[in-house]
Amino acid sequence: MGTPVRHFTATAPDGQAFTVDIERDFRYDPYRDFVVCAHCDWSPSLLTTERITDMAWEHLASVHGADRGRTDQENEGFRKARLIVLPIVAVFLIGLFVYLQSY
C-alpha cells in the first residue's frame, strides 16, 4: 500500500515476534496512513474513531497473543529524511521572510 513509517512489535509467550506497520501513501493529499499486519492479511478500514496505535496493540494482543516486550519505533529512513528536510525548509522560510522584509 505504502511506505512503512512506524512499526509496532510485540512478543508472544512462545517467543515469536509479531509486527504491525503503519504505512503512509504519499500519493494522497493529505497523506493517508494504513495499518497492516506483517503476519496476516489484517488491514482494517480506518473509518473509525479509535486511535491507530490502540488498534495495532489490540490486534497484536488479541489475534497473535503477543502482549510482551512491546516496542514502537519509527522507520529509520523516514526519520532521517525528516531530520534533513525540516532544517532545509526552516532555512528557506527564514530566507524568504528576510527577503520579503527588504521590500
N, C-alpha and C. Protein backbone atom coordinates (compact mmCIF):
# COMPACT_ATOMS: atom_id res chain seq x y z
N MET A 1 0.81 -1.19 0.00
CA MET A 1 0.00 0.00 0.00
C MET A 1 0.85 1.25 0.00
N GLY A 2 1.84 1.30 0.92
CA GLY A 2 2.63 2.49 1.02
C GLY A 2 3.96 2.20 1.68
N THR A 3 4.59 3.25 2.15
CA THR A 3 5.89 3.15 2.79
C THR A 3 5.70 2.99 4.30
N PRO A 4 6.32 1.97 4.92
CA PRO A 4 6.19 1.82 6.37
C PRO A 4 6.87 3.00 7.08
N VAL A 5 6.14 3.66 7.95
CA VAL A 5 6.68 4.80 8.69
C VAL A 5 6.80 4.52 10.18
N ARG A 6 6.13 3.49 10.67
CA ARG A 6 6.17 3.14 12.08
C ARG A 6 5.93 1.65 12.23
N HIS A 7 6.62 1.04 13.20
CA HIS A 7 6.50 -0.40 13.44
C HIS A 7 6.11 -0.63 14.90
N PHE A 8 5.10 -1.48 15.10
CA PHE A 8 4.71 -1.89 16.44
C PHE A 8 5.04 -3.38 16.54
N THR A 9 5.88 -3.74 17.51
CA THR A 9 6.30 -5.12 17.64
C THR A 9 6.02 -5.59 19.06
N ALA A 10 5.53 -6.83 19.16
CA ALA A 10 5.30 -7.46 20.46
C ALA A 10 5.64 -8.93 20.34
N THR A 11 5.93 -9.54 21.48
CA THR A 11 6.35 -10.93 21.51
C THR A 11 5.26 -11.78 22.16
N ALA A 12 5.00 -12.94 21.57
CA ALA A 12 4.05 -13.90 22.11
C ALA A 12 4.73 -14.69 23.22
N PRO A 13 3.96 -15.41 24.06
CA PRO A 13 4.56 -16.20 25.13
C PRO A 13 5.57 -17.25 24.64
N ASP A 14 5.41 -17.73 23.42
CA ASP A 14 6.34 -18.73 22.90
C ASP A 14 7.62 -18.10 22.33
N GLY A 15 7.74 -16.76 22.38
CA GLY A 15 8.93 -16.08 21.93
C GLY A 15 8.88 -15.55 20.51
N GLN A 16 7.82 -15.84 19.77
CA GLN A 16 7.71 -15.35 18.39
C GLN A 16 7.32 -13.87 18.40
N ALA A 17 7.99 -13.09 17.57
CA ALA A 17 7.72 -11.65 17.47
C ALA A 17 6.74 -11.39 16.33
N PHE A 18 5.81 -10.50 16.58
CA PHE A 18 4.82 -10.10 15.59
C PHE A 18 4.91 -8.59 15.40
N THR A 19 4.66 -8.14 14.16
CA THR A 19 4.80 -6.72 13.83
C THR A 19 3.56 -6.22 13.09
N VAL A 20 3.13 -5.03 13.47
CA VAL A 20 2.10 -4.29 12.75
C VAL A 20 2.76 -3.01 12.27
N ASP A 21 2.61 -2.69 10.99
CA ASP A 21 3.23 -1.50 10.41
C ASP A 21 2.16 -0.45 10.11
N ILE A 22 2.54 0.80 10.28
CA ILE A 22 1.72 1.90 9.77
C ILE A 22 2.40 2.33 8.48
N GLU A 23 1.66 2.24 7.40
CA GLU A 23 2.20 2.59 6.09
C GLU A 23 1.55 3.87 5.61
N ARG A 24 2.33 4.74 5.02
CA ARG A 24 1.83 6.02 4.53
C ARG A 24 1.89 6.04 3.01
N ASP A 25 0.79 6.43 2.40
CA ASP A 25 0.73 6.56 0.96
C ASP A 25 0.86 8.04 0.62
N PHE A 26 2.00 8.41 0.07
CA PHE A 26 2.30 9.81 -0.18
C PHE A 26 1.61 10.36 -1.44
N ARG A 27 0.88 9.50 -2.15
CA ARG A 27 0.20 9.97 -3.36
C ARG A 27 -1.04 10.78 -3.04
N TYR A 28 -1.55 10.63 -1.83
CA TYR A 28 -2.78 11.32 -1.46
C TYR A 28 -2.46 12.61 -0.71
N ASP A 29 -3.37 13.56 -0.80
CA ASP A 29 -3.22 14.78 -0.05
C ASP A 29 -4.50 15.01 0.73
N PRO A 30 -4.55 15.00 2.02
CA PRO A 30 -3.41 14.80 2.92
C PRO A 30 -2.95 13.34 2.90
N TYR A 31 -1.75 13.11 3.37
CA TYR A 31 -1.19 11.76 3.36
C TYR A 31 -2.10 10.81 4.12
N ARG A 32 -2.26 9.62 3.59
CA ARG A 32 -3.17 8.66 4.17
C ARG A 32 -2.37 7.52 4.79
N ASP A 33 -2.67 7.19 6.05
CA ASP A 33 -2.00 6.11 6.75
C ASP A 33 -2.87 4.86 6.73
N PHE A 34 -2.19 3.71 6.63
CA PHE A 34 -2.85 2.41 6.66
C PHE A 34 -2.19 1.56 7.73
N VAL A 35 -2.95 0.73 8.40
CA VAL A 35 -2.42 -0.20 9.39
C VAL A 35 -2.41 -1.57 8.75
N VAL A 36 -1.24 -2.25 8.77
CA VAL A 36 -1.10 -3.54 8.09
C VAL A 36 -0.32 -4.48 9.00
N CYS A 37 -0.85 -5.69 9.20
CA CYS A 37 -0.14 -6.71 9.97
C CYS A 37 0.82 -7.44 9.03
N ALA A 38 2.05 -7.63 9.47
CA ALA A 38 3.06 -8.30 8.63
C ALA A 38 2.90 -9.82 8.64
N HIS A 39 2.01 -10.35 9.49
CA HIS A 39 1.90 -11.80 9.64
C HIS A 39 0.57 -12.37 9.19
N CYS A 40 -0.41 -11.54 9.01
CA CYS A 40 -1.70 -12.00 8.49
C CYS A 40 -2.22 -10.91 7.55
N ASP A 41 -3.35 -11.10 6.97
CA ASP A 41 -3.88 -10.15 6.00
C ASP A 41 -4.73 -9.05 6.64
N TRP A 42 -4.54 -8.81 7.92
CA TRP A 42 -5.34 -7.81 8.63
C TRP A 42 -4.94 -6.41 8.20
N SER A 43 -5.88 -5.67 7.70
CA SER A 43 -5.70 -4.27 7.35
C SER A 43 -7.07 -3.60 7.46
N PRO A 44 -7.38 -3.07 8.64
CA PRO A 44 -8.73 -2.55 8.87
C PRO A 44 -9.00 -1.25 8.14
N SER A 45 -10.27 -1.00 7.96
CA SER A 45 -10.68 0.30 7.44
C SER A 45 -10.43 1.32 8.54
N LEU A 46 -9.86 2.45 8.19
CA LEU A 46 -9.56 3.46 9.20
C LEU A 46 -10.69 4.46 9.37
N LEU A 47 -11.89 4.05 9.02
CA LEU A 47 -13.06 4.89 9.22
C LEU A 47 -13.58 4.63 10.63
N THR A 48 -12.76 4.93 11.60
CA THR A 48 -13.09 4.69 13.00
C THR A 48 -12.52 5.82 13.84
N THR A 49 -13.06 5.97 15.03
CA THR A 49 -12.54 6.99 15.93
C THR A 49 -11.43 6.44 16.82
N GLU A 50 -11.19 5.13 16.74
CA GLU A 50 -10.14 4.52 17.55
C GLU A 50 -8.77 4.94 17.03
N ARG A 51 -7.86 5.20 17.92
CA ARG A 51 -6.52 5.61 17.52
C ARG A 51 -5.79 4.46 16.84
N ILE A 52 -4.92 4.80 15.89
CA ILE A 52 -4.18 3.80 15.14
C ILE A 52 -3.30 2.97 16.07
N THR A 53 -2.65 3.61 17.02
CA THR A 53 -1.77 2.86 17.92
C THR A 53 -2.56 1.87 18.76
N ASP A 54 -3.74 2.28 19.22
CA ASP A 54 -4.57 1.37 20.01
C ASP A 54 -5.00 0.18 19.16
N MET A 55 -5.33 0.43 17.90
CA MET A 55 -5.72 -0.66 17.00
C MET A 55 -4.58 -1.65 16.80
N ALA A 56 -3.36 -1.14 16.65
CA ALA A 56 -2.21 -2.01 16.42
C ALA A 56 -1.94 -2.89 17.64
N TRP A 57 -1.91 -2.30 18.84
CA TRP A 57 -1.66 -3.09 20.04
C TRP A 57 -2.78 -4.08 20.31
N GLU A 58 -4.01 -3.67 20.08
CA GLU A 58 -5.16 -4.57 20.28
C GLU A 58 -5.07 -5.77 19.34
N HIS A 59 -4.71 -5.55 18.09
CA HIS A 59 -4.59 -6.66 17.14
C HIS A 59 -3.49 -7.62 17.56
N LEU A 60 -2.33 -7.09 17.93
CA LEU A 60 -1.22 -7.96 18.34
C LEU A 60 -1.59 -8.80 19.56
N ALA A 61 -2.28 -8.21 20.52
CA ALA A 61 -2.63 -8.92 21.74
C ALA A 61 -3.76 -9.93 21.53
N SER A 62 -4.80 -9.53 20.80
CA SER A 62 -5.97 -10.40 20.68
C SER A 62 -5.81 -11.50 19.63
N VAL A 63 -5.23 -11.18 18.49
CA VAL A 63 -5.13 -12.17 17.41
C VAL A 63 -3.90 -13.06 17.54
N HIS A 64 -2.75 -12.44 17.83
CA HIS A 64 -1.50 -13.20 17.87
C HIS A 64 -1.06 -13.55 19.29
N GLY A 65 -1.76 -13.05 20.30
CA GLY A 65 -1.38 -13.32 21.68
C GLY A 65 -0.06 -12.67 22.07
N ALA A 66 0.34 -11.68 21.32
CA ALA A 66 1.63 -11.02 21.56
C ALA A 66 1.40 -9.77 22.40
N ASP A 67 1.66 -9.89 23.69
CA ASP A 67 1.46 -8.74 24.58
C ASP A 67 2.67 -8.47 25.46
N ARG A 68 3.80 -9.07 25.13
CA ARG A 68 5.02 -8.87 25.92
C ARG A 68 6.04 -8.10 25.10
N GLY A 69 6.90 -7.37 25.77
CA GLY A 69 8.01 -6.68 25.11
C GLY A 69 7.58 -5.75 24.00
N ARG A 70 6.55 -4.97 24.26
CA ARG A 70 6.02 -4.08 23.23
C ARG A 70 7.03 -2.98 22.89
N THR A 71 7.29 -2.80 21.60
CA THR A 71 8.15 -1.72 21.14
C THR A 71 7.45 -0.97 20.02
N ASP A 72 7.71 0.29 19.97
CA ASP A 72 7.13 1.17 18.96
C ASP A 72 8.28 2.00 18.41
N GLN A 73 8.60 1.82 17.13
CA GLN A 73 9.72 2.58 16.57
C GLN A 73 9.36 3.13 15.20
N GLU A 74 9.95 4.27 14.95
CA GLU A 74 9.74 4.94 13.67
C GLU A 74 10.70 4.35 12.64
N ASN A 75 10.27 4.28 11.41
CA ASN A 75 11.14 3.79 10.33
C ASN A 75 12.37 4.67 10.25
N GLU A 76 13.55 4.05 10.20
CA GLU A 76 14.82 4.78 10.24
C GLU A 76 14.97 5.72 9.04
N GLY A 77 14.65 5.25 7.84
CA GLY A 77 14.78 6.09 6.65
C GLY A 77 13.84 7.29 6.69
N PHE A 78 12.62 7.06 7.15
CA PHE A 78 11.64 8.14 7.26
C PHE A 78 12.10 9.18 8.28
N ARG A 79 12.65 8.71 9.40
CA ARG A 79 13.13 9.61 10.45
C ARG A 79 14.31 10.45 9.95
N LYS A 80 15.24 9.81 9.24
CA LYS A 80 16.41 10.53 8.72
C LYS A 80 15.99 11.57 7.68
N ALA A 81 15.05 11.21 6.83
CA ALA A 81 14.58 12.16 5.81
C ALA A 81 13.95 13.37 6.47
N ARG A 82 13.17 13.15 7.51
CA ARG A 82 12.54 14.27 8.20
C ARG A 82 13.58 15.16 8.88
N LEU A 83 14.63 14.55 9.44
CA LEU A 83 15.68 15.33 10.08
C LEU A 83 16.46 16.18 9.09
N ILE A 84 16.51 15.76 7.84
CA ILE A 84 17.22 16.52 6.81
C ILE A 84 16.33 17.59 6.20
N VAL A 85 15.09 17.24 5.92
CA VAL A 85 14.18 18.15 5.23
C VAL A 85 13.74 19.31 6.13
N LEU A 86 13.47 19.07 7.39
CA LEU A 86 12.98 20.14 8.26
C LEU A 86 13.96 21.31 8.38
N PRO A 87 15.25 21.08 8.61
CA PRO A 87 16.16 22.23 8.66
C PRO A 87 16.26 22.97 7.32
N ILE A 88 16.22 22.25 6.22
CA ILE A 88 16.29 22.90 4.91
C ILE A 88 15.08 23.80 4.70
N VAL A 89 13.91 23.31 5.05
CA VAL A 89 12.69 24.11 4.92
C VAL A 89 12.74 25.31 5.85
N ALA A 90 13.23 25.13 7.07
CA ALA A 90 13.33 26.24 8.02
C ALA A 90 14.25 27.33 7.49
N VAL A 91 15.40 26.95 6.96
CA VAL A 91 16.35 27.93 6.40
C VAL A 91 15.72 28.64 5.21
N PHE A 92 15.01 27.91 4.37
CA PHE A 92 14.35 28.52 3.22
C PHE A 92 13.30 29.53 3.67
N LEU A 93 12.50 29.17 4.66
CA LEU A 93 11.45 30.09 5.13
C LEU A 93 12.06 31.34 5.77
N ILE A 94 13.12 31.18 6.55
CA ILE A 94 13.78 32.34 7.15
C ILE A 94 14.34 33.24 6.05
N GLY A 95 14.97 32.65 5.05
CA GLY A 95 15.49 33.43 3.93
C GLY A 95 14.39 34.15 3.18
N LEU A 96 13.26 33.49 3.00
CA LEU A 96 12.12 34.10 2.32
C LEU A 96 11.58 35.28 3.11
N PHE A 97 11.45 35.13 4.43
CA PHE A 97 10.96 36.22 5.27
C PHE A 97 11.93 37.41 5.23
N VAL A 98 13.22 37.14 5.30
CA VAL A 98 14.21 38.21 5.25
C VAL A 98 14.12 38.93 3.91
N TYR A 99 13.99 38.17 2.83
CA TYR A 99 13.87 38.76 1.51
C TYR A 99 12.61 39.61 1.38
N LEU A 100 11.50 39.11 1.89
CA LEU A 100 10.25 39.88 1.80
C LEU A 100 10.26 41.12 2.69
N GLN A 101 11.00 41.09 3.80
CA GLN A 101 11.10 42.26 4.68
C GLN A 101 11.89 43.40 4.04
N SER A 102 12.76 43.04 3.09
CA SER A 102 13.57 44.08 2.46
C SER A 102 12.77 44.91 1.45
N TYR A 103 11.56 44.49 1.12
CA TYR A 103 10.72 45.26 0.20
C TYR A 103 9.84 46.23 0.90
